């Protein structure tokens, strides 16, 4: 059987008596997670650079991850599906930020509807990550706090001429609302 890089690293840690053999699977999981995080990070950087939207891609994904951790919603069943779905979402979102020419009224309507969906549904748990009642209360509180922060940044940046920052956050909020609806739908099936 052929060893992959994470397994070779973990085996070296075991050989060096840094990690116990009984903990191998845990460390393998951790190493694979680190690799996926790095792959996602570099993919975001590459997509942002190719689209000439580097800072927007970093800002977008940072804001998205910040609220997504607590809001929940749809989750792909495998890491590869998650990665591919993330790339698709990133591309669609960045093209929306770059190409959409919406009126302020349209943006406000999208923002209000998306915010109401988030306030109503979040957090949406996943079958792989069920939440107890305490976690639901805490996550709901965090989501509301983050949403208020995002709405404040949108208001201030809009007043100061930072339309791209505002648009990035509007797209994040709309995407989170979509992921919550999708998660609720899939959970009910």
Protein backbone atom coordinates (compact mmCIF):
# COMPACT_ATOMS: atom_id res chain seq x y z
CA UNK A 1 0.00 0.00 0.00
CA UNK A 2 1.34 3.42 -1.01
CA UNK A 3 1.72 6.10 1.70
CA UNK A 4 0.51 9.60 0.96
CA UNK A 5 2.27 12.74 2.25
CA UNK A 6 0.11 13.24 5.38
CA UNK A 7 0.55 9.61 6.34
CA UNK A 8 4.32 9.82 5.87
CA UNK A 9 4.45 12.90 8.10
CA UNK A 10 2.35 11.24 10.80
CA UNK A 11 4.42 8.04 10.55
CA UNK A 12 7.58 10.14 11.03
CA UNK A 13 6.03 11.77 14.10
CA UNK A 14 5.20 8.31 15.46
CA UNK A 15 8.73 7.05 14.72
CA UNK A 16 10.18 10.07 16.49
CA UNK A 17 7.93 9.30 19.47
CA UNK A 18 6.25 12.71 19.15
CA UNK A 19 2.86 11.11 18.49
CA UNK A 20 1.47 7.88 19.88
CA UNK A 21 0.49 5.15 17.43
CA UNK A 22 -2.98 4.99 19.00
CA UNK A 23 -3.53 8.65 17.95
CA UNK A 24 -2.55 8.09 14.30
CA UNK A 25 -6.08 8.44 12.88
CA UNK A 26 -6.66 11.68 14.77
CA UNK A 27 -3.42 13.17 13.43
CA UNK A 28 -4.18 11.89 9.92
CA UNK A 29 -7.54 13.66 10.07
CA UNK A 30 -5.84 16.84 11.29
CA UNK A 31 -3.17 16.72 8.58
CA UNK A 32 -5.82 16.22 5.89
CA UNK A 33 -7.81 19.18 7.27
CA UNK A 34 -4.72 21.40 7.19
CA UNK A 35 -4.04 20.38 3.59
CA UNK A 36 -7.65 21.16 2.59
CA UNK A 37 -7.52 24.55 4.32
CA UNK A 38 -4.26 25.42 2.54
CA UNK A 39 -5.68 24.21 -0.79
CA UNK A 40 -8.77 26.36 -0.30
CA UNK A 41 -6.67 29.38 0.71
CA UNK A 42 -4.38 29.10 -2.32
CA UNK A 43 -7.39 28.54 -4.60
CA UNK A 44 -8.97 31.76 -3.30
CA UNK A 45 -5.71 33.63 -3.92
CA UNK A 46 -5.39 32.22 -7.46
CA UNK A 47 -9.02 32.95 -8.37
CA UNK A 48 -8.74 36.46 -6.95
CA UNK A 49 -5.50 37.12 -8.84
CA UNK A 50 -6.83 35.73 -12.14
CA UNK A 51 -9.98 37.87 -11.88
CA UNK A 52 -7.92 40.88 -10.76
CA UNK A 53 -9.93 40.85 -7.53
CA UNK A 54 -7.36 39.69 -4.99
CA UNK A 55 -8.38 41.88 -2.06
CA UNK A 56 -12.07 41.34 -2.81
CA UNK A 57 -11.62 37.56 -2.81
CA UNK A 58 -9.77 37.62 0.51
CA UNK A 59 -12.27 40.03 2.06
CA UNK A 60 -15.22 38.03 0.72
CA UNK A 61 -13.99 34.64 1.93
CA UNK A 62 -12.99 36.03 5.33
CA UNK A 63 -16.42 37.54 5.90
CA UNK A 64 -18.13 34.43 4.54
CA UNK A 65 -16.21 32.07 6.82
CA UNK A 66 -16.76 34.33 9.84
CA UNK A 67 -20.55 34.12 9.63
CA UNK A 68 -20.79 30.65 8.06
CA UNK A 69 -19.10 29.01 11.07
CA UNK A 70 -22.03 30.05 13.25
CA UNK A 71 -24.89 30.20 10.73
CA UNK A 72 -24.42 26.69 9.36
CA UNK A 73 -26.49 25.65 6.38
CA UNK A 74 -25.80 23.23 3.57
CA UNK A 75 -22.62 21.15 3.79
CA UNK A 76 -21.31 18.87 1.07
CA UNK A 77 -20.88 15.23 2.11
CA UNK A 78 -17.25 14.86 1.00
CA UNK A 79 -14.21 17.12 1.13
CA UNK A 80 -13.85 17.03 -2.66
CA UNK A 81 -17.49 18.07 -3.20
CA UNK A 82 -17.02 20.80 -0.61
CA UNK A 83 -13.91 22.04 -2.40
CA UNK A 84 -15.58 22.02 -5.84
CA UNK A 85 -18.77 23.64 -4.50
CA UNK A 86 -16.64 26.29 -2.76
CA UNK A 87 -14.83 27.11 -6.01
CA UNK A 88 -18.15 27.42 -7.83
CA UNK A 89 -19.58 29.67 -5.11
CA UNK A 90 -16.43 31.79 -5.09
CA UNK A 91 -16.49 32.26 -8.86
CA UNK A 92 -20.19 33.12 -8.95
CA UNK A 93 -19.83 35.54 -6.03
CA UNK A 94 -16.79 37.33 -7.45
CA UNK A 95 -18.43 37.65 -10.86
CA UNK A 96 -21.52 39.04 -9.12
CA UNK A 97 -19.37 41.59 -7.28
CA UNK A 98 -17.54 42.51 -10.48
CA UNK A 99 -20.37 42.52 -12.98
CA UNK A 100 -23.67 43.20 -11.23
CA UNK A 101 -24.96 46.69 -11.73
CA UNK A 102 -27.79 46.86 -9.24
CA UNK A 103 -29.50 49.97 -8.02
CA UNK A 104 -29.24 50.93 -4.37
CA UNK A 105 -32.90 50.02 -3.99
CA UNK A 106 -32.27 46.52 -5.37
CA UNK A 107 -29.31 46.04 -3.03
CA UNK A 108 -31.34 47.19 -0.04
CA UNK A 109 -34.17 44.78 -0.92
CA UNK A 110 -31.70 41.87 -1.34
CA UNK A 111 -30.05 42.84 1.95
CA UNK A 112 -33.34 43.07 3.86
CA UNK A 113 -34.71 39.77 2.56
CA UNK A 114 -31.40 37.95 3.11
CA UNK A 115 -31.00 39.41 6.60
CA UNK A 116 -34.52 38.35 7.57
CA UNK A 117 -33.84 34.81 6.33
CA UNK A 118 -30.63 34.66 8.37
CA UNK A 119 -32.31 36.04 11.50
CA UNK A 120 -35.16 33.55 11.11
CA UNK A 121 -33.25 30.37 10.22
CA UNK A 122 -29.76 30.57 11.70
CA UNK A 123 -28.23 28.40 12.88
CA UNK A 124 -29.05 25.52 10.55
CA UNK A 125 -27.37 22.36 11.74
CA UNK A 126 -25.98 19.64 9.54
CA UNK A 127 -26.36 15.89 9.98
CA UNK A 128 -22.61 15.69 10.55
CA UNK A 129 -22.68 18.53 13.05
CA UNK A 130 -25.81 18.46 15.22
CA UNK A 131 -26.16 21.28 17.75
CA UNK A 132 -27.49 21.06 21.28
CA UNK A 133 -29.85 23.76 22.60
CA UNK A 134 -27.04 25.75 24.26
CA UNK A 135 -24.97 25.76 21.06
CA UNK A 136 -28.02 26.90 19.07
CA UNK A 137 -28.55 29.86 21.41
CA UNK A 138 -24.88 30.83 21.39
CA UNK A 139 -24.53 30.45 17.61
CA UNK A 140 -27.75 32.44 17.01
CA UNK A 141 -26.37 35.22 19.21
CA UNK A 142 -23.04 35.24 17.30
CA UNK A 143 -24.81 35.26 13.93
CA UNK A 144 -26.92 38.24 14.96
CA UNK A 145 -23.89 40.11 16.28
CA UNK A 146 -21.89 39.41 13.11
CA UNK A 147 -24.84 40.40 10.92
CA UNK A 148 -25.19 43.71 12.79
CA UNK A 149 -21.46 44.32 12.31
CA UNK A 150 -21.75 43.54 8.59
CA UNK A 151 -24.76 45.85 8.21
CA UNK A 152 -22.86 48.61 10.02
CA UNK A 153 -19.84 48.18 7.75
CA UNK A 154 -22.15 48.26 4.71
CA UNK A 155 -23.76 51.49 5.91
CA UNK A 156 -20.47 53.22 6.74
CA UNK A 157 -18.65 52.07 3.61
CA UNK A 158 -21.59 53.11 1.43
CA UNK A 159 -21.52 56.58 2.96
CA UNK A 160 -17.74 56.83 2.47
CA UNK A 161 -17.74 55.61 -1.14
CA UNK A 162 -16.67 52.02 -0.46
CA UNK A 163 -19.23 50.44 -2.74
CA UNK A 164 -17.12 47.37 -3.43
CA UNK A 165 -16.82 46.58 0.29
CA UNK A 166 -20.57 47.02 0.65
CA UNK A 167 -21.27 44.83 -2.37
CA UNK A 168 -18.93 42.10 -1.08
CA UNK A 169 -20.84 41.98 2.20
CA UNK A 170 -24.25 42.08 0.50
CA UNK A 171 -23.20 39.08 -1.60
CA UNK A 172 -21.91 37.28 1.54
CA UNK A 173 -25.22 37.89 3.34
CA UNK A 174 -27.27 36.76 0.32
CA UNK A 175 -25.10 33.64 -0.07
CA UNK A 176 -25.45 32.75 3.63
CA UNK A 177 -29.24 33.11 3.32
CA UNK A 178 -29.17 30.79 0.29
CA UNK A 179 -27.02 28.23 2.14
CA UNK A 180 -29.41 28.28 5.11
CA UNK A 181 -32.45 27.71 2.87
CA UNK A 182 -30.63 24.92 1.03
CA UNK A 183 -29.57 23.35 4.34
CA UNK A 184 -33.12 23.48 5.73
CA UNK A 185 -34.49 21.97 2.53
CA UNK A 186 -31.96 19.12 2.47
CA UNK A 187 -32.44 18.46 6.19
CA UNK A 188 -36.18 18.09 5.66
CA UNK A 189 -35.77 15.49 2.87
